[in-house]
Amino acid sequence: MGKKILLPQDIAKAGKNWLLERGYELKPGSGITSEIMAREVKGCSAVIARLGEFNEEVLESEPGLKVIARHGAGYVNIDIEAAKRLGISVTYDPVSNIGSVAEHVIALILGCSKKLIYMDRETRTGNYKRRNEVLTIETSGKILGIAGYGRIGRLVAEKARYGLGMKILVYDPIASVLPEGDASTERADSLEMLLERSDFVSIHMPLNSETTKIMGKKQFKAMKKTAYFINAARGGLADEKALIEALENGWIAGAALDVFEKEPPDFHNPLMQMEQVILSPHNAALTVDAMDKMALTAAKSVDDVLSGRRPEYCVVNGCR
């Protein structure tokens, strides 16, 4: 069994130390372009993948490559069909960062409701009279519409329900599980119904052909004028041009975004200048705690595959 693992990007010490203690050799990468990774994967049995495109060229470059362990939940940057054909296991981690992301969403909701960024800026410039001129809102009793009720959506609902006293409205055409006996949670029959009733809309769907730009002009116009749009999932879920139009025309009260259609976003993007918008640099999952857990989960997945065990979270090959 080969013991060399390529790390195109660094991972937390928790994962590296776990592998080193078990005799693995870690090979630091020098870049995440396909050309660089195709060259540097030679001689390696495994890759712990963060960013970069793991296409057919990369996967075919080393016949002894057995596993690509995704450092995180998404694996759209890995050619799954090529991996399947080549017998390369692909693992992922759908749980390690959900707490960090859910907390970030709650922070964005509170940031919008209390206009924290705006109030901070006004206070720093000496505009203290804003305390009487701009009123904020409570979250208690407000409706949080959650579009996509997977692991993160459910955790956001739990924190918002029990921590902020919010009512939860859920839209998910796939998920069938809702908390039983909880009068504060209701299922929306359609996305439109959710948008029309919610005071805050937080989207938690995977990005695919069916969900790309699922939030467009029609959807933003359907929201309350007092409502806020929250996106800490994938930038492509929202039509950014339509969102900008909605904000400029007052169709919605504001937005909070951790993700963008183009990353990093262009400095001249109108969202950068809008006072009613809170932005963060796609870092909702990047807490010290989550990075440790993701590195450790990826390390254990590599060891499982190379040792002939079934990894806990597997996409293709070795899943049975």
Protein backbone atom coordinates (compact mmCIF):
# COMPACT_ATOMS: atom_id res chain seq x y z
CA MET A 1 0.00 0.00 0.00
CA GLY A 2 1.35 3.41 -1.00
CA LYS A 3 1.75 5.84 1.88
CA LYS A 4 2.28 9.14 0.07
CA ILE A 5 -0.52 11.72 0.12
CA LEU A 6 -0.62 14.89 -1.98
CA LEU A 7 -1.81 18.05 -0.25
CA PRO A 8 -2.33 20.61 -3.05
CA GLN A 9 -3.32 23.03 -0.29
CA ASP A 10 -2.46 22.91 3.38
CA ILE A 11 -4.84 21.40 5.92
CA ALA A 12 -5.09 21.78 9.69
CA LYS A 13 -2.49 20.11 11.92
CA ALA A 14 -5.15 17.83 13.39
CA GLY A 15 -5.39 15.95 10.09
CA LYS A 16 -1.70 16.05 9.23
CA ASN A 17 -0.59 14.83 12.65
CA TRP A 18 -3.13 12.00 12.55
CA LEU A 19 -1.68 10.78 9.24
CA LEU A 20 1.96 11.23 10.27
CA GLU A 21 1.37 9.20 13.41
CA ARG A 22 0.24 6.33 11.18
CA GLY A 23 3.28 6.41 8.95
CA TYR A 24 1.95 8.37 6.00
CA GLU A 25 4.18 10.69 3.98
CA LEU A 26 2.67 14.09 3.19
CA LYS A 27 3.65 15.81 -0.04
CA PRO A 28 2.87 19.56 -0.01
CA GLY A 29 1.68 20.85 -3.38
CA SER A 30 2.87 24.01 -5.09
CA GLY A 31 -0.41 25.03 -6.74
CA ILE A 32 -3.96 24.01 -7.62
CA THR A 33 -4.01 24.29 -11.40
CA SER A 34 -4.77 21.04 -13.20
CA GLU A 35 -1.33 21.10 -14.81
CA ILE A 36 0.49 21.39 -11.49
CA MET A 37 -1.63 18.76 -9.74
CA ALA A 38 -1.29 16.33 -12.67
CA ARG A 39 2.46 16.59 -12.31
CA GLU A 40 2.65 16.49 -8.54
CA VAL A 41 0.19 13.63 -7.99
CA LYS A 42 2.70 11.18 -9.49
CA GLY A 43 3.81 8.66 -6.89
CA CYS A 44 0.87 9.41 -4.59
CA SER A 45 -1.85 7.01 -3.52
CA ALA A 46 -4.18 9.71 -2.24
CA VAL A 47 -5.07 13.38 -2.51
CA ILE A 48 -6.80 15.55 0.05
CA ALA A 49 -8.69 17.99 -2.15
CA ARG A 50 -9.78 21.50 -1.31
CA LEU A 51 -9.93 23.93 -4.25
CA GLY A 52 -8.76 23.29 -7.81
CA GLU A 53 -10.26 21.18 -10.58
CA PHE A 54 -9.60 17.47 -10.28
CA ASN A 55 -10.35 16.62 -13.89
CA GLU A 56 -9.62 13.57 -15.99
CA GLU A 57 -6.07 14.77 -16.71
CA VAL A 58 -5.26 14.87 -13.00
CA LEU A 59 -6.94 11.54 -12.20
CA GLU A 60 -5.20 9.70 -15.03
CA SER A 61 -1.74 11.02 -14.18
CA GLU A 62 -1.03 8.43 -11.49
CA PRO A 63 -2.16 4.80 -12.03
CA GLY A 64 -1.64 4.10 -8.34
CA LEU A 65 -4.03 6.83 -7.19
CA LYS A 66 -6.64 5.18 -4.96
CA VAL A 67 -8.60 7.96 -3.29
CA ILE A 68 -9.43 11.63 -3.44
CA ALA A 69 -10.73 12.80 -0.07
CA ARG A 70 -12.67 16.04 -0.37
CA HIS A 71 -11.92 18.47 2.44
CA GLY A 72 -15.53 19.60 2.82
CA ALA A 73 -19.03 18.83 1.65
CA GLY A 74 -19.10 19.76 -2.03
CA TYR A 75 -17.35 17.75 -4.73
CA VAL A 76 -18.36 19.54 -7.95
CA ASN A 77 -14.66 20.17 -8.65
CA ILE A 78 -13.98 16.43 -8.97
CA ASP A 79 -14.72 14.50 -12.17
CA ILE A 80 -16.83 11.78 -10.59
CA GLU A 81 -17.38 9.83 -13.80
CA ALA A 82 -13.66 9.68 -14.50
CA ALA A 83 -12.99 8.60 -10.92
CA LYS A 84 -15.61 5.88 -11.21
CA ARG A 85 -14.12 4.61 -14.47
CA LEU A 86 -10.59 4.61 -13.05
CA GLY A 87 -11.57 2.91 -9.81
CA ILE A 88 -10.61 5.91 -7.66
CA SER A 89 -12.63 6.34 -4.50
CA VAL A 90 -14.02 9.83 -3.81
CA THR A 91 -14.99 10.72 -0.27
CA TYR A 92 -16.49 13.89 1.17
CA ASP A 93 -17.48 15.42 4.49
CA PRO A 94 -21.08 16.62 4.83
CA VAL A 95 -21.06 17.21 8.59
CA SER A 96 -17.87 18.81 9.95
CA ASN A 97 -18.66 22.40 8.98
CA ILE A 98 -22.44 22.50 9.42
CA GLY A 99 -22.27 24.06 12.89
CA SER A 100 -19.95 26.82 11.70
CA VAL A 101 -22.10 27.59 8.66
CA ALA A 102 -25.33 27.56 10.67
CA GLU A 103 -23.85 29.97 13.22
CA HIS A 104 -22.70 32.25 10.41
CA VAL A 105 -26.23 32.32 9.00
CA ILE A 106 -27.61 33.26 12.40
CA ALA A 107 -25.00 36.01 12.64
CA LEU A 108 -26.09 37.34 9.23
CA ILE A 109 -29.75 37.30 10.28
CA LEU A 110 -28.93 39.27 13.41
CA GLY A 111 -26.65 41.58 11.44
CA CYS A 112 -29.53 42.42 9.12
CA SER A 113 -32.16 42.78 11.83
CA LYS A 114 -29.96 45.09 13.93
CA LYS A 115 -28.30 46.83 10.93
CA LEU A 116 -25.00 46.14 12.65
CA ILE A 117 -22.62 47.06 9.85
CA TYR A 118 -24.43 50.32 9.12
CA MET A 119 -24.71 51.25 12.79
CA ASP A 120 -21.05 50.47 13.40
CA ARG A 121 -19.99 52.69 10.52
CA GLU A 122 -22.25 55.57 11.57
CA THR A 123 -21.05 55.40 15.17
CA ARG A 124 -17.40 55.46 14.10
CA THR A 125 -18.00 58.58 12.03
CA GLY A 126 -19.54 60.37 15.02
CA ASN A 127 -23.11 60.17 13.74
CA TYR A 128 -24.50 59.19 17.12
CA LYS A 129 -27.95 60.60 16.44
CA ARG A 130 -28.62 57.60 14.18
CA ARG A 131 -29.74 55.79 17.35
CA ASN A 132 -33.03 57.71 17.15
CA GLU A 133 -33.29 58.05 13.37
CA VAL A 134 -32.86 54.41 12.28
CA LEU A 135 -34.83 51.75 14.13
CA THR A 136 -34.02 48.06 14.00
CA ILE A 137 -36.25 45.01 14.45
CA GLU A 138 -36.53 41.99 16.74
CA THR A 139 -36.25 38.49 15.33
CA SER A 140 -38.67 37.00 17.85
CA GLY A 141 -41.94 36.10 16.18
CA LYS A 142 -40.58 36.77 12.68
CA ILE A 143 -40.83 34.11 9.99
CA LEU A 144 -37.59 32.57 8.76
CA GLY A 145 -38.09 30.90 5.40
CA ILE A 146 -35.59 28.10 4.82
CA ALA A 147 -35.28 26.96 1.21
CA GLY A 148 -33.55 23.60 1.40
CA TYR A 149 -33.95 21.50 4.55
CA GLY A 150 -30.79 19.43 4.62
CA ARG A 151 -28.32 19.21 7.48
CA ILE A 152 -27.46 22.92 7.53
CA GLY A 153 -31.02 24.07 6.92
CA ARG A 154 -32.27 21.96 9.82
CA LEU A 155 -29.56 23.26 12.14
CA VAL A 156 -30.28 26.88 11.19
CA ALA A 157 -33.96 26.23 11.90
CA GLU A 158 -33.14 24.79 15.31
CA LYS A 159 -30.91 27.71 16.31
CA ALA A 160 -33.38 30.28 15.01
CA ARG A 161 -36.37 28.61 16.63
CA TYR A 162 -34.96 28.02 20.08
CA GLY A 163 -32.36 30.80 20.19
CA LEU A 164 -34.16 33.67 18.48
CA GLY A 165 -37.80 32.75 18.93
CA MET A 166 -38.46 32.72 15.19
CA LYS A 167 -41.20 30.86 13.36
CA ILE A 168 -39.86 28.49 10.70
CA LEU A 169 -41.30 28.02 7.22
CA VAL A 170 -39.62 25.30 5.16
CA TYR A 171 -39.58 24.62 1.44
CA ASP A 172 -37.83 21.52 0.17
CA PRO A 173 -39.20 19.38 -2.67
CA ILE A 174 -37.09 16.41 -1.53
CA ALA A 175 -36.81 16.41 2.27
CA SER A 176 -39.70 14.76 4.06
CA VAL A 177 -38.61 15.20 7.67
CA LEU A 178 -40.00 18.04 9.76
CA PRO A 179 -39.91 18.30 13.57
CA GLU A 180 -43.00 16.58 14.92
CA GLY A 181 -45.24 18.36 17.38
CA ASP A 182 -43.61 21.74 16.84
CA ALA A 183 -46.15 24.42 16.04
CA SER A 184 -43.38 26.89 15.15
CA THR A 185 -42.39 24.94 12.03
CA GLU A 186 -44.51 24.73 8.90
CA ARG A 187 -43.95 23.39 5.40
CA ALA A 188 -44.48 25.67 2.42
CA ASP A 189 -46.11 24.06 -0.59
CA SER A 190 -43.94 26.06 -2.99
CA LEU A 191 -40.96 28.38 -3.08
CA GLU A 192 -43.31 31.21 -3.99
CA MET A 193 -45.38 30.61 -0.86
CA LEU A 194 -42.24 30.69 1.27
CA LEU A 195 -41.04 33.93 -0.32
CA GLU A 196 -44.38 35.70 0.08
CA ARG A 197 -44.66 34.91 3.80
CA SER A 198 -41.11 35.10 5.13
CA ASP A 199 -39.41 38.01 6.89
CA PHE A 200 -36.01 36.42 6.27
CA VAL A 201 -35.21 33.94 3.48
CA SER A 202 -32.15 31.72 3.88
CA ILE A 203 -31.30 29.40 1.02
CA HIS A 204 -29.60 26.06 1.63
CA MET A 205 -29.84 24.12 -1.61
CA PRO A 206 -27.12 22.32 -3.56
CA LEU A 207 -26.09 23.98 -6.81
CA ASN A 208 -27.14 21.97 -9.85
CA SER A 209 -28.94 22.39 -13.15
CA GLU A 210 -32.31 22.65 -11.41
CA THR A 211 -31.30 25.15 -8.74
CA THR A 212 -28.98 27.49 -10.66
CA LYS A 213 -30.41 31.02 -10.35
CA ILE A 214 -33.49 29.63 -8.59
CA MET A 215 -33.71 33.07 -6.99
CA GLY A 216 -34.36 35.42 -9.90
CA LYS A 217 -36.25 38.61 -10.62
CA LYS A 218 -39.65 36.95 -10.20
CA GLN A 219 -38.66 35.42 -6.88
CA PHE A 220 -37.19 38.63 -5.41
CA LYS A 221 -40.30 40.58 -6.44
CA ALA A 222 -42.41 37.97 -4.60
CA MET A 223 -40.68 38.70 -1.29
CA LYS A 224 -41.93 41.22 1.26
CA LYS A 225 -40.45 44.69 0.89
CA THR A 226 -39.37 44.40 4.52
CA ALA A 227 -37.68 41.01 4.02
CA TYR A 228 -34.00 40.05 3.90
CA PHE A 229 -32.30 37.50 1.66
CA ILE A 230 -29.51 35.35 3.18
CA ASN A 231 -27.18 33.17 1.10
CA ALA A 232 -24.32 31.23 2.68
CA ALA A 233 -24.71 28.21 0.38
CA ARG A 234 -23.66 28.76 -3.25
CA GLY A 235 -23.43 32.01 -5.19
CA GLY A 236 -25.00 30.50 -8.30
CA LEU A 237 -28.30 29.91 -6.52
CA ALA A 238 -29.17 33.59 -6.95
CA ASP A 239 -29.21 35.70 -10.09
CA GLU A 240 -26.91 38.44 -8.84
CA LYS A 241 -28.12 40.95 -11.42
CA ALA A 242 -31.71 40.38 -10.27
CA LEU A 243 -30.66 40.69 -6.62
CA ILE A 244 -28.97 44.01 -7.31
CA GLU A 245 -32.10 45.21 -9.11
CA ALA A 246 -34.24 44.11 -6.16
CA LEU A 247 -32.06 46.03 -3.72
CA GLU A 248 -31.87 49.15 -5.89
CA ASN A 249 -35.64 49.24 -6.37
CA GLY A 250 -36.59 48.41 -2.79
CA TRP A 251 -38.27 45.10 -3.61
CA ILE A 252 -36.54 43.74 -0.50
CA ALA A 253 -35.06 45.46 2.56
CA GLY A 254 -31.59 44.00 2.30
CA ALA A 255 -29.36 40.98 1.89
CA ALA A 256 -26.47 39.17 3.55
CA LEU A 257 -24.13 37.13 1.35
CA ASP A 258 -21.23 34.82 2.06
CA VAL A 259 -21.10 33.55 -1.54
CA PHE A 260 -21.11 35.14 -4.99
CA GLU A 261 -21.63 34.20 -8.63
CA LYS A 262 -18.00 35.12 -9.29
CA GLU A 263 -15.45 34.60 -6.55
CA PRO A 264 -13.79 36.71 -5.52
CA PRO A 265 -16.41 39.29 -6.56
CA ASP A 266 -15.36 42.23 -8.68
CA PHE A 267 -14.49 45.30 -6.63
CA HIS A 268 -16.88 47.36 -8.76
CA ASN A 269 -19.80 45.00 -8.10
CA PRO A 270 -22.70 47.26 -6.95
CA LEU A 271 -23.24 44.99 -3.95
CA MET A 272 -19.96 46.30 -2.55
CA GLN A 273 -21.39 49.80 -2.19
CA MET A 274 -24.84 49.03 -0.81
CA GLU A 275 -25.51 50.00 2.81
CA GLN A 276 -28.31 47.47 3.17
CA VAL A 277 -26.04 44.55 2.26
CA ILE A 278 -23.72 42.55 4.54
CA LEU A 279 -20.88 40.68 2.82
CA SER A 280 -18.39 38.05 3.96
CA PRO A 281 -15.71 36.31 1.85
CA HIS A 282 -17.13 32.76 1.60
CA ASN A 283 -15.72 31.97 5.03
CA ALA A 284 -18.81 30.68 6.85
CA ALA A 285 -17.24 27.23 7.17
CA LEU A 286 -13.72 28.42 7.93
CA THR A 287 -13.64 28.35 11.71
CA VAL A 288 -10.73 26.82 13.61
CA ASP A 289 -13.09 24.11 14.84
CA ALA A 290 -14.47 23.19 11.43
CA MET A 291 -11.04 23.20 9.76
CA ASP A 292 -9.74 20.76 12.38
CA LYS A 293 -12.74 18.48 11.92
CA MET A 294 -12.63 18.59 8.11
CA ALA A 295 -8.91 17.82 8.04
CA LEU A 296 -9.36 14.91 10.43
CA THR A 297 -12.32 13.49 8.54
CA ALA A 298 -10.42 13.65 5.23
CA ALA A 299 -7.38 12.00 6.83
CA LYS A 300 -9.48 9.17 8.24
CA SER A 301 -11.21 8.69 4.89
CA VAL A 302 -7.85 8.31 3.16
CA ASP A 303 -6.74 5.76 5.75
CA ASP A 304 -10.02 3.86 5.45
CA VAL A 305 -9.73 3.47 1.68
CA LEU A 306 -6.04 2.61 1.67
CA SER A 307 -6.59 0.11 4.47
CA GLY A 308 -9.49 -1.60 2.70
CA ARG A 309 -12.23 -0.26 4.94
CA ARG A 310 -15.43 1.46 3.90
CA PRO A 311 -15.17 5.24 4.48
CA GLU A 312 -18.05 6.84 6.33
CA TYR A 313 -18.91 9.31 3.56
CA CYS A 314 -18.23 8.04 0.06
CA VAL A 315 -19.34 9.26 -3.38
CA VAL A 316 -18.05 6.50 -5.66
CA ASN A 317 -15.95 3.31 -5.39
CA GLY A 318 -15.47 1.70 -2.02
CA CYS A 319 -18.91 2.80 -0.84
CA ARG A 320 -20.16 -0.70 -0.26
